[in-house]
Amino acid sequence: MLSANETGSESSLKYLNEKPPELEIEIPKESDLTNDFREFKDVQLPIDILLLTVKDIEFRSSYYYLRNVFRSYERALGLVYFGDMGEVGNTKLKVALFKCSEGATNPGGALLAVKNAVTRLRPKAVFCVGFCGALHRDKTKLGDVIVSAKLTTYADRTVTNLGIYPRGFSVPVGNDIGGLIRSAGFGWKAPLKNPEERGSVKVYSDGEFLSGPEEIDFEQRRCELVHRYPNAIGVEMDGQGVFSAAHDLKMEWVVIKGVSNYADGTASFTEHWKPFASVMAASVVNNILRVPAVFKEWAHYTSSDTGRAQNED
């Protein structure tokens, strides 16, 4: 890990001493999570929205916004928490929240987890929620939220004696989710104790994420990626798996993550931003899902395999 002195001037790294604004909400502790349990055969399917997280703090931040929560167990999924979201109108969205392992293709990672969850729960869309690294200190601040209008993979490449050539892909989100996330920040109020600080947190609804297997915290590597992918503003590890699974299943998908570091060797100095970044991302998701009627015409996942259908409304 690089020291602060090795990664830039004192003025450019003053954020290392900054504390996140105080939250107006209290992130649930593990002991606060519900013990209400229902057998999977008693869960009403299909759901509307699947929320995927990796880290505990990401999970608990998203859990805060669920109502009427219960949990269930399915062998291929593990424990899944079910609840309602939506604040406008009488109809609520049926939401499932669960954790997977870190990384797109690792055992239990996003690719397999999303495939298993979508085919069993049949949602209308998949949201990957949590914290991420930012690639530009002059474009984003710690705590800002990046919404993936586009996702680009960077790890695949061809190596020859003439040079190294990227072989990844760059994909926009689907039409339905793309039309929705353009207004992701409209009406959003950051859940901060001091309302005057709300304007300090921004939502980037047209962001491009880099996604790959590396947990990047090295200034030289960050600079390489910025040079090769100048339009990308965030970097994370799970979106590639989410997209790959969603593409195969013809699902709507999006990655929404708050900035907790700058991928430049200073991540250990900004660990305390992870809870804040996770809550900001979860609150933006909550804002997107405020009006359940928006999703009324969206299709649930369907498959020729009807043997998995249970208790469909």
Protein backbone atom coordinates (compact mmCIF):
# COMPACT_ATOMS: atom_id res chain seq x y z
CA MET A 1 0.00 0.00 0.00
CA LEU A 2 1.27 3.46 -0.84
CA SER A 3 1.53 6.10 1.82
CA ALA A 4 -0.29 9.39 1.51
CA ASN A 5 2.99 11.13 0.69
CA GLU A 6 3.64 8.71 -2.18
CA THR A 7 0.28 9.18 -3.89
CA GLY A 8 0.11 12.94 -4.27
CA SER A 9 0.44 16.31 -2.66
CA GLU A 10 -0.92 17.07 0.77
CA SER A 11 -3.57 19.39 -0.68
CA SER A 12 -4.85 16.80 -3.16
CA LEU A 13 -5.14 14.18 -0.41
CA LYS A 14 -6.82 16.30 2.25
CA TYR A 15 -9.88 14.04 1.93
CA LEU A 16 -7.96 11.39 3.89
CA ASN A 17 -8.65 13.31 7.09
CA GLU A 18 -12.30 14.02 6.33
CA LYS A 19 -15.06 12.25 8.20
CA PRO A 20 -18.35 11.31 6.52
CA PRO A 21 -21.36 13.48 7.32
CA GLU A 22 -23.49 12.09 10.13
CA LEU A 23 -26.33 9.86 8.97
CA GLU A 24 -29.92 10.47 10.01
CA ILE A 25 -30.57 6.71 10.00
CA GLU A 26 -29.07 3.96 12.11
CA ILE A 27 -27.69 1.06 10.12
CA PRO A 28 -29.16 -2.19 11.50
CA LYS A 29 -26.81 -4.41 13.45
CA GLU A 30 -26.72 -8.14 12.77
CA SER A 31 -28.73 -8.63 15.96
CA ASP A 32 -31.44 -6.34 14.54
CA LEU A 33 -32.14 -8.59 11.55
CA THR A 34 -35.46 -10.39 11.70
CA ASN A 35 -35.80 -13.97 12.92
CA ASP A 36 -39.20 -14.34 11.24
CA PHE A 37 -38.85 -17.41 9.01
CA ARG A 38 -41.04 -18.96 6.34
CA GLU A 39 -40.45 -22.14 4.40
CA PHE A 40 -39.58 -21.45 0.79
CA LYS A 41 -42.71 -23.21 -0.43
CA ASP A 42 -44.74 -20.56 1.43
CA VAL A 43 -43.02 -17.58 -0.22
CA GLN A 44 -45.26 -15.83 -2.73
CA LEU A 45 -43.52 -15.71 -6.08
CA PRO A 46 -42.60 -14.08 -8.35
CA ILE A 47 -40.85 -11.16 -6.69
CA ASP A 48 -40.41 -7.80 -8.40
CA ILE A 49 -36.87 -6.70 -7.54
CA LEU A 50 -33.72 -8.64 -6.61
CA LEU A 51 -31.12 -6.78 -4.52
CA LEU A 52 -27.64 -8.32 -4.59
CA THR A 53 -24.93 -7.38 -2.08
CA VAL A 54 -21.52 -8.79 -1.16
CA LYS A 55 -20.32 -7.22 2.09
CA ASP A 56 -22.19 -7.25 5.41
CA ILE A 57 -22.41 -3.46 5.53
CA GLU A 58 -23.89 -3.40 2.03
CA PHE A 59 -26.49 -5.96 3.04
CA ARG A 60 -27.46 -4.22 6.27
CA SER A 61 -27.69 -0.82 4.56
CA SER A 62 -30.14 -2.21 2.00
CA TYR A 63 -32.01 -4.14 4.70
CA TYR A 64 -32.86 -0.86 6.42
CA TYR A 65 -35.18 0.09 3.55
CA LEU A 66 -37.17 -3.16 3.55
CA ARG A 67 -40.53 -3.35 5.31
CA ASN A 68 -42.47 -6.39 6.56
CA VAL A 69 -39.30 -8.45 6.38
CA PHE A 70 -39.02 -12.20 6.75
CA ARG A 71 -36.37 -14.67 5.72
CA SER A 72 -36.42 -17.98 3.95
CA TYR A 73 -33.98 -20.64 2.83
CA GLU A 74 -33.48 -22.27 -0.53
CA ARG A 75 -30.66 -24.72 -0.99
CA ALA A 76 -29.17 -23.08 -4.10
CA LEU A 77 -29.51 -19.57 -2.67
CA GLY A 78 -28.93 -19.89 1.05
CA LEU A 79 -30.75 -17.41 3.25
CA VAL A 80 -32.81 -14.79 1.43
CA TYR A 81 -34.60 -11.87 3.08
CA PHE A 82 -37.93 -10.83 1.60
CA GLY A 83 -39.76 -7.55 2.16
CA ASP A 84 -41.67 -4.65 0.63
CA MET A 85 -40.44 -1.39 -0.87
CA GLY A 86 -42.30 1.56 -2.37
CA GLU A 87 -43.68 4.74 -0.82
CA VAL A 88 -46.20 6.05 -3.36
CA GLY A 89 -49.57 4.35 -3.85
CA ASN A 90 -51.12 1.33 -2.21
CA THR A 91 -49.16 -1.27 -4.17
CA LYS A 92 -45.75 -2.35 -2.90
CA LEU A 93 -42.84 -3.97 -4.68
CA LYS A 94 -41.93 -7.46 -3.54
CA VAL A 95 -38.18 -7.41 -2.98
CA ALA A 96 -35.61 -10.11 -2.21
CA LEU A 97 -32.26 -9.22 -0.63
CA PHE A 98 -29.31 -11.59 -0.36
CA LYS A 99 -25.53 -11.83 -0.30
CA CYS A 100 -23.12 -13.55 -2.64
CA SER A 101 -19.37 -14.13 -2.57
CA GLU A 102 -17.05 -11.40 -3.84
CA GLY A 103 -16.07 -11.48 -7.49
CA ALA A 104 -17.95 -12.21 -10.67
CA THR A 105 -16.95 -15.81 -11.36
CA ASN A 106 -15.71 -17.08 -7.98
CA PRO A 107 -17.65 -19.98 -6.44
CA GLY A 108 -20.79 -18.40 -5.04
CA GLY A 109 -19.99 -15.15 -6.85
CA ALA A 110 -22.30 -12.82 -8.72
CA LEU A 111 -22.60 -14.82 -11.95
CA LEU A 112 -23.84 -18.02 -10.36
CA ALA A 113 -25.74 -16.25 -7.58
CA VAL A 114 -27.77 -14.11 -9.99
CA LYS A 115 -28.55 -17.06 -12.27
CA ASN A 116 -29.76 -19.15 -9.34
CA ALA A 117 -31.77 -16.34 -7.80
CA VAL A 118 -33.41 -15.14 -11.01
CA THR A 119 -34.52 -18.59 -12.14
CA ARG A 120 -36.06 -19.32 -8.74
CA LEU A 121 -37.45 -15.92 -7.70
CA ARG A 122 -38.32 -14.54 -11.19
CA PRO A 123 -37.78 -10.81 -10.61
CA LYS A 124 -38.31 -7.97 -13.06
CA ALA A 125 -34.85 -6.47 -12.48
CA VAL A 126 -31.58 -7.08 -10.62
CA PHE A 127 -29.88 -4.32 -8.62
CA CYS A 128 -26.27 -4.79 -7.44
CA VAL A 129 -25.81 -2.45 -4.46
CA GLY A 130 -22.83 -1.48 -2.32
CA PHE A 131 -19.58 0.51 -2.30
CA CYS A 132 -16.88 0.92 -4.93
CA GLY A 133 -13.68 2.68 -5.87
CA ALA A 134 -13.57 5.91 -7.88
CA LEU A 135 -11.01 6.61 -10.59
CA HIS A 136 -10.96 10.42 -10.53
CA ARG A 137 -10.60 12.55 -7.41
CA ASP A 138 -11.55 15.62 -9.45
CA LYS A 139 -14.82 14.11 -10.74
CA THR A 140 -16.31 12.33 -7.73
CA LYS A 141 -16.12 12.67 -3.96
CA LEU A 142 -16.20 10.06 -1.24
CA GLY A 143 -19.82 9.14 -0.60
CA ASP A 144 -21.06 10.07 -4.07
CA VAL A 145 -23.21 7.44 -5.79
CA ILE A 146 -22.42 6.02 -9.24
CA VAL A 147 -25.22 4.44 -11.26
CA SER A 148 -24.10 2.23 -14.13
CA ALA A 149 -25.42 3.58 -17.39
CA LYS A 150 -22.60 1.50 -18.88
CA LEU A 151 -20.35 -1.33 -17.67
CA THR A 152 -16.94 -2.16 -19.14
CA THR A 153 -14.76 -5.18 -18.39
CA TYR A 154 -11.01 -4.64 -18.37
CA ALA A 155 -9.30 -7.93 -17.41
CA ASP A 156 -9.50 -9.85 -20.70
CA ARG A 157 -6.65 -8.97 -23.03
CA THR A 158 -4.37 -10.25 -25.78
CA VAL A 159 -0.66 -10.19 -24.96
CA THR A 160 1.80 -10.22 -27.89
CA ASN A 161 5.37 -9.13 -28.48
CA LEU A 162 3.92 -5.98 -30.03
CA GLY A 163 1.89 -4.98 -27.04
CA ILE A 164 -1.14 -5.63 -24.88
CA TYR A 165 -4.61 -5.21 -26.36
CA PRO A 166 -7.88 -5.13 -24.38
CA ARG A 167 -10.44 -7.81 -25.24
CA GLY A 168 -13.18 -6.88 -22.79
CA PHE A 169 -16.65 -5.65 -23.60
CA SER A 170 -18.57 -2.46 -22.91
CA VAL A 171 -22.36 -2.63 -22.56
CA PRO A 172 -25.11 -0.19 -21.66
CA VAL A 173 -27.91 -1.20 -19.33
CA GLY A 174 -31.21 -2.28 -20.87
CA ASN A 175 -33.78 0.11 -22.29
CA ASP A 176 -36.21 -0.13 -19.38
CA ILE A 177 -33.69 0.37 -16.60
CA GLY A 178 -31.79 2.91 -18.72
CA GLY A 179 -34.84 5.10 -19.02
CA LEU A 180 -35.45 4.85 -15.29
CA ILE A 181 -31.97 5.57 -13.94
CA ARG A 182 -31.62 8.82 -15.86
CA SER A 183 -33.73 10.35 -13.10
CA ALA A 184 -32.21 8.29 -10.25
CA GLY A 185 -31.32 11.43 -8.31
CA PHE A 186 -34.57 13.32 -8.93
CA GLY A 187 -36.26 14.00 -5.60
CA TRP A 188 -33.53 12.12 -3.74
CA LYS A 189 -32.56 13.48 -0.35
CA ALA A 190 -29.40 12.03 1.12
CA PRO A 191 -30.25 10.58 4.56
CA LEU A 192 -28.06 13.00 6.50
CA LYS A 193 -28.65 14.33 10.00
CA ASN A 194 -27.82 17.86 8.87
CA PRO A 195 -30.07 18.72 5.89
CA GLU A 196 -27.68 21.50 4.87
CA GLU A 197 -25.08 18.86 3.98
CA ARG A 198 -27.35 17.01 1.54
CA GLY A 199 -26.11 18.99 -1.42
CA SER A 200 -22.59 17.71 -0.80
CA VAL A 201 -23.50 14.19 -1.99
CA LYS A 202 -24.05 13.69 -5.72
CA VAL A 203 -25.66 10.98 -7.83
CA TYR A 204 -23.99 10.20 -11.17
CA SER A 205 -26.79 8.58 -13.14
CA ASP A 206 -24.79 8.31 -16.37
CA GLY A 207 -21.74 6.62 -14.89
CA GLU A 208 -19.48 4.05 -16.49
CA PHE A 209 -18.15 1.30 -14.22
CA LEU A 210 -15.07 -0.79 -14.84
CA SER A 211 -15.63 -4.31 -13.56
CA GLY A 212 -13.07 -7.06 -13.14
CA PRO A 213 -11.38 -9.51 -10.77
CA GLU A 214 -8.91 -7.04 -9.23
CA GLU A 215 -9.42 -5.25 -5.94
CA ILE A 216 -7.47 -2.17 -6.99
CA ASP A 217 -5.63 -0.01 -4.47
CA PHE A 218 -2.49 1.02 -6.36
CA GLU A 219 -1.88 4.40 -7.98
CA GLN A 220 0.03 3.04 -10.96
CA ARG A 221 -2.74 0.56 -11.80
CA ARG A 222 -5.38 3.26 -11.39
CA CYS A 223 -3.49 5.49 -13.82
CA GLU A 224 -3.25 2.64 -16.35
CA LEU A 225 -7.00 2.13 -16.24
CA VAL A 226 -7.74 5.85 -16.46
CA HIS A 227 -5.49 6.10 -19.52
CA ARG A 228 -7.13 3.12 -21.22
CA TYR A 229 -10.72 3.88 -20.17
CA PRO A 230 -10.92 7.68 -19.78
CA ASN A 231 -14.72 7.79 -19.52
CA ALA A 232 -15.02 5.34 -16.64
CA ILE A 233 -15.49 6.91 -13.21
CA GLY A 234 -15.90 3.85 -10.93
CA VAL A 235 -14.33 0.43 -10.50
CA GLU A 236 -15.73 -2.66 -8.77
CA MET A 237 -15.65 -6.48 -8.88
CA ASP A 238 -19.18 -7.86 -9.18
CA GLY A 239 -20.93 -6.10 -12.05
CA GLN A 240 -19.39 -8.31 -14.73
CA GLY A 241 -21.06 -11.36 -13.20
CA VAL A 242 -24.36 -9.53 -12.77
CA PHE A 243 -24.37 -8.45 -16.40
CA SER A 244 -23.30 -11.85 -17.75
CA ALA A 245 -26.05 -13.65 -15.87
CA ALA A 246 -28.68 -11.02 -16.67
CA HIS A 247 -27.72 -11.03 -20.35
CA ASP A 248 -28.11 -14.81 -20.59
CA LEU A 249 -31.47 -14.61 -18.82
CA LYS A 250 -32.64 -11.52 -20.75
CA MET A 251 -33.03 -9.55 -17.52
CA GLU A 252 -32.87 -5.85 -16.68
CA TRP A 253 -29.87 -5.07 -14.45
CA VAL A 254 -28.00 -2.16 -12.91
CA VAL A 255 -25.03 -1.56 -10.58
CA ILE A 256 -25.45 1.21 -7.99
CA LYS A 257 -22.55 1.85 -5.61
CA GLY A 258 -21.25 4.60 -3.37
CA VAL A 259 -17.64 5.76 -3.52
CA SER A 260 -15.59 4.61 -0.52
CA ASN A 261 -12.03 4.95 -1.92
CA TYR A 262 -10.01 6.15 -4.90
CA ALA A 263 -8.21 2.91 -5.87
CA ASP A 264 -4.92 4.76 -5.44
CA GLY A 265 -3.22 3.15 -2.45
CA THR A 266 -5.12 5.09 0.20
CA ALA A 267 -8.07 2.73 0.77
CA SER A 268 -6.94 1.92 4.31
CA PHE A 269 -7.32 5.62 5.16
CA THR A 270 -10.94 5.70 3.96
CA GLU A 271 -12.33 2.48 5.49
CA HIS A 272 -14.72 4.58 7.58
CA TRP A 273 -16.46 5.72 4.39
CA LYS A 274 -17.73 2.23 3.52
CA PRO A 275 -20.85 2.38 5.75
CA PHE A 276 -21.65 5.88 4.50
CA ALA A 277 -21.16 4.91 0.84
CA SER A 278 -23.30 1.80 1.29
CA VAL A 279 -26.16 3.77 2.85
CA MET A 280 -26.03 6.40 0.11
CA ALA A 281 -26.26 3.70 -2.57
CA ALA A 282 -29.10 1.91 -0.78
CA SER A 283 -31.00 5.17 -0.36
CA VAL A 284 -30.69 5.91 -4.09
CA VAL A 285 -32.11 2.45 -4.83
CA ASN A 286 -34.94 3.22 -2.43
CA ASN A 287 -35.58 6.46 -4.33
CA ILE A 288 -35.71 4.63 -7.66
CA LEU A 289 -38.21 2.14 -6.21
CA ARG A 290 -40.43 4.77 -4.54
CA VAL A 291 -43.23 4.45 -7.10
CA PRO A 292 -44.16 0.79 -7.67
CA ALA A 293 -46.50 1.74 -10.53
CA VAL A 294 -43.41 2.47 -12.65
CA PHE A 295 -42.69 -1.26 -12.79
CA LYS A 296 -46.24 -2.39 -13.49
CA GLU A 297 -45.64 -3.18 -17.17
CA TRP A 298 -42.19 -4.66 -16.70
CA ALA A 299 -42.07 -8.41 -17.32
CA HIS A 300 -41.07 -10.97 -14.72
CA TYR A 301 -38.38 -13.43 -15.71
CA THR A 302 -39.94 -16.36 -17.51
CA SER A 303 -38.53 -19.66 -18.69
CA SER A 304 -39.76 -22.76 -20.44
CA ASP A 305 -38.98 -24.52 -17.17
CA THR A 306 -42.30 -24.18 -15.43
CA GLY A 307 -41.51 -26.79 -12.83
CA ARG A 308 -40.08 -24.19 -10.48
CA ALA A 309 -43.21 -22.01 -10.34
CA GLN A 310 -44.65 -21.62 -6.87
CA ASN A 311 -47.71 -19.82 -5.58
CA GLU A 312 -47.70 -17.29 -8.42
CA ASP A 313 -50.15 -14.46 -7.95
